[in-house]
Amino acid sequence: MSDNADIAGFLRDNPAWKHRDNTLARTFRFDDFVQAFGWMSSVALVAERMGHHPDWRNVWATVEVKLSTHDAGDVVTQRDLDLATEMGRIAGPDKSPDS
């Protein structure tokens, strides 16, 4: 499990992510469905290599993501912070979250 300082540091550096209900949560918005699904496919390859898979939901150009580590009791761990970092890197800086 990541300690609160690790999570707070991540959130400070990545303000689009929120820590709620023992998950890291973020909504990504893309220009269209193809871009959203392409991003999901790229993330899926990274997640598979990491052995850590997101809970996510796609509706047209929007992808809602929640990350927690089920094996650790459904809490945020370093694996979640690492996957969230990769998701942001793949999306790029202009994919703003819900307000």
C-alpha atoms as a PDB file:
ATOM      1  CA  MET A   1       0.000   0.000   0.000  1.00  0.00           C
ATOM      2  CA  SER A   2       1.220   3.506  -0.754  1.00  0.00           C
ATOM      3  CA  ASP A   3       1.350   5.787   2.204  1.00  0.00           C
ATOM      4  CA  ASN A   4      -0.572   9.041   2.309  1.00  0.00           C
ATOM      5  CA  ALA A   5       2.576  11.048   1.561  1.00  0.00           C
ATOM      6  CA  ASP A   6       3.136   9.118  -1.692  1.00  0.00           C
ATOM      7  CA  ILE A   7      -0.465   9.655  -2.754  1.00  0.00           C
ATOM      8  CA  ALA A   8      -0.409  13.335  -1.753  1.00  0.00           C
ATOM      9  CA  GLY A   9       2.795  13.869  -3.708  1.00  0.00           C
ATOM     10  CA  PHE A  10       1.346  12.182  -6.769  1.00  0.00           C
ATOM     11  CA  LEU A  11      -1.834  14.283  -6.563  1.00  0.00           C
ATOM     12  CA  ARG A  12       0.192  17.470  -6.161  1.00  0.00           C
ATOM     13  CA  ASP A  13       2.142  16.625  -9.329  1.00  0.00           C
ATOM     14  CA  ASN A  14      -0.938  15.296 -11.185  1.00  0.00           C
ATOM     15  CA  PRO A  15      -3.907  17.480 -10.197  1.00  0.00           C
ATOM     16  CA  ALA A  16      -6.237  15.922 -12.779  1.00  0.00           C
ATOM     17  CA  TRP A  17      -6.337  12.788 -10.623  1.00  0.00           C
ATOM     18  CA  LYS A  18      -8.499  12.617  -7.485  1.00  0.00           C
ATOM     19  CA  HIS A  19      -8.232  10.278  -4.508  1.00  0.00           C
ATOM     20  CA  ARG A  20     -11.701   9.161  -3.489  1.00  0.00           C
ATOM     21  CA  ASP A  21     -13.238   6.004  -2.059  1.00  0.00           C
ATOM     22  CA  ASN A  22      -9.844   4.246  -1.891  1.00  0.00           C
ATOM     23  CA  THR A  23      -9.264   4.781  -5.618  1.00  0.00           C
ATOM     24  CA  LEU A  24      -7.419   7.129  -7.929  1.00  0.00           C
ATOM     25  CA  ALA A  25     -10.018   8.557 -10.295  1.00  0.00           C
ATOM     26  CA  ARG A  26      -9.789  10.628 -13.457  1.00  0.00           C
ATOM     27  CA  THR A  27     -11.899  11.372 -16.498  1.00  0.00           C
ATOM     28  CA  PHE A  28     -10.098  11.705 -19.803  1.00  0.00           C
ATOM     29  CA  ARG A  29     -11.763  13.565 -22.691  1.00  0.00           C
ATOM     30  CA  PHE A  30     -10.691  13.017 -26.269  1.00  0.00           C
ATOM     31  CA  ASP A  31     -11.723  14.522 -29.598  1.00  0.00           C
ATOM     32  CA  ASP A  32     -13.740  11.487 -30.677  1.00  0.00           C
ATOM     33  CA  PHE A  33     -14.383   7.801 -30.092  1.00  0.00           C
ATOM     34  CA  VAL A  34     -11.475   6.612 -32.240  1.00  0.00           C
ATOM     35  CA  GLN A  35      -9.000   8.701 -30.252  1.00  0.00           C
ATOM     36  CA  ALA A  36     -10.462   7.510 -26.931  1.00  0.00           C
ATOM     37  CA  PHE A  37     -10.422   3.872 -27.974  1.00  0.00           C
ATOM     38  CA  GLY A  38      -6.914   4.196 -29.406  1.00  0.00           C
ATOM     39  CA  TRP A  39      -5.728   5.571 -26.064  1.00  0.00           C
ATOM     40  CA  MET A  40      -7.436   2.698 -24.244  1.00  0.00           C
ATOM     41  CA  SER A  41      -5.697   0.202 -26.534  1.00  0.00           C
ATOM     42  CA  SER A  42      -2.308   1.786 -25.849  1.00  0.00           C
ATOM     43  CA  VAL A  43      -2.961   1.766 -22.096  1.00  0.00           C
ATOM     44  CA  ALA A  44      -4.137  -1.847 -22.277  1.00  0.00           C
ATOM     45  CA  LEU A  45      -0.744  -2.924 -23.632  1.00  0.00           C
ATOM     46  CA  VAL A  46       1.079  -1.115 -20.814  1.00  0.00           C
ATOM     47  CA  ALA A  47      -1.333  -2.442 -18.184  1.00  0.00           C
ATOM     48  CA  GLU A  48      -0.876  -5.998 -19.429  1.00  0.00           C
ATOM     49  CA  ARG A  49       2.917  -5.687 -19.210  1.00  0.00           C
ATOM     50  CA  MET A  50       2.521  -4.339 -15.660  1.00  0.00           C
ATOM     51  CA  GLY A  51       0.037  -7.071 -14.720  1.00  0.00           C
ATOM     52  CA  HIS A  52      -2.242  -4.346 -13.394  1.00  0.00           C
ATOM     53  CA  HIS A  53      -5.543  -3.527 -15.058  1.00  0.00           C
ATOM     54  CA  PRO A  54      -7.752  -0.449 -14.707  1.00  0.00           C
ATOM     55  CA  ASP A  55     -11.436  -0.253 -13.953  1.00  0.00           C
ATOM     56  CA  TRP A  56     -12.661   2.012 -16.707  1.00  0.00           C
ATOM     57  CA  ARG A  57     -15.719   3.040 -18.660  1.00  0.00           C
ATOM     58  CA  ASN A  58     -15.833   4.468 -22.175  1.00  0.00           C
ATOM     59  CA  VAL A  59     -18.689   6.504 -23.626  1.00  0.00           C
ATOM     60  CA  TRP A  60     -17.859   7.973 -27.030  1.00  0.00           C
ATOM     61  CA  ALA A  61     -14.933  10.399 -26.436  1.00  0.00           C
ATOM     62  CA  THR A  62     -14.839  10.089 -22.637  1.00  0.00           C
ATOM     63  CA  VAL A  63     -13.019   7.495 -20.542  1.00  0.00           C
ATOM     64  CA  GLU A  64     -13.633   7.344 -16.796  1.00  0.00           C
ATOM     65  CA  VAL A  65     -10.859   5.580 -14.877  1.00  0.00           C
ATOM     66  CA  LYS A  66     -10.662   4.246 -11.319  1.00  0.00           C
ATOM     67  CA  LEU A  67      -7.501   2.596 -10.059  1.00  0.00           C
ATOM     68  CA  SER A  68      -6.984   0.482  -6.952  1.00  0.00           C
ATOM     69  CA  THR A  69      -5.131  -2.727  -6.225  1.00  0.00           C
ATOM     70  CA  HIS A  70      -7.571  -5.540  -5.556  1.00  0.00           C
ATOM     71  CA  ASP A  71      -4.862  -7.901  -4.221  1.00  0.00           C
ATOM     72  CA  ALA A  72      -3.998  -5.331  -1.532  1.00  0.00           C
ATOM     73  CA  GLY A  73      -7.581  -4.960  -0.333  1.00  0.00           C
ATOM     74  CA  ASP A  74      -8.871  -2.428  -2.875  1.00  0.00           C
ATOM     75  CA  VAL A  75      -6.589   0.415  -1.841  1.00  0.00           C
ATOM     76  CA  VAL A  76      -4.226   2.633  -3.815  1.00  0.00           C
ATOM     77  CA  THR A  77      -0.716   1.202  -4.122  1.00  0.00           C
ATOM     78  CA  GLN A  78       2.432   2.138  -5.997  1.00  0.00           C
ATOM     79  CA  ARG A  79       1.173   0.029  -8.901  1.00  0.00           C
ATOM     80  CA  ASP A  80      -1.784   2.407  -9.240  1.00  0.00           C
ATOM     81  CA  LEU A  81       0.434   5.473  -9.107  1.00  0.00           C
ATOM     82  CA  ASP A  82       2.678   3.949 -11.781  1.00  0.00           C
ATOM     83  CA  LEU A  83      -0.224   3.054 -14.063  1.00  0.00           C
ATOM     84  CA  ALA A  84      -1.805   6.489 -13.581  1.00  0.00           C
ATOM     85  CA  THR A  85       1.496   8.106 -14.551  1.00  0.00           C
ATOM     86  CA  GLU A  86       1.655   6.012 -17.713  1.00  0.00           C
ATOM     87  CA  MET A  87      -1.973   6.842 -18.569  1.00  0.00           C
ATOM     88  CA  GLY A  88      -1.216  10.546 -18.333  1.00  0.00           C
ATOM     89  CA  ARG A  89       1.940  10.193 -20.395  1.00  0.00           C
ATOM     90  CA  ILE A  90       0.087   8.344 -23.150  1.00  0.00           C
ATOM     91  CA  ALA A  91      -2.820  10.818 -23.160  1.00  0.00           C
ATOM     92  CA  GLY A  92      -0.628  13.897 -23.231  1.00  0.00           C
ATOM     93  CA  PRO A  93      -1.167  17.140 -21.343  1.00  0.00           C
ATOM     94  CA  ASP A  94      -4.306  18.391 -23.111  1.00  0.00           C
ATOM     95  CA  LYS A  95      -6.816  15.730 -22.008  1.00  0.00           C
ATOM     96  CA  SER A  96      -8.548  17.655 -19.245  1.00  0.00           C
ATOM     97  CA  PRO A  97     -10.587  16.046 -16.480  1.00  0.00           C
ATOM     98  CA  ASP A  98     -14.158  16.762 -15.541  1.00  0.00           C
ATOM     99  CA  SER A  99     -14.576  19.962 -13.601  1.00  0.00           C
END
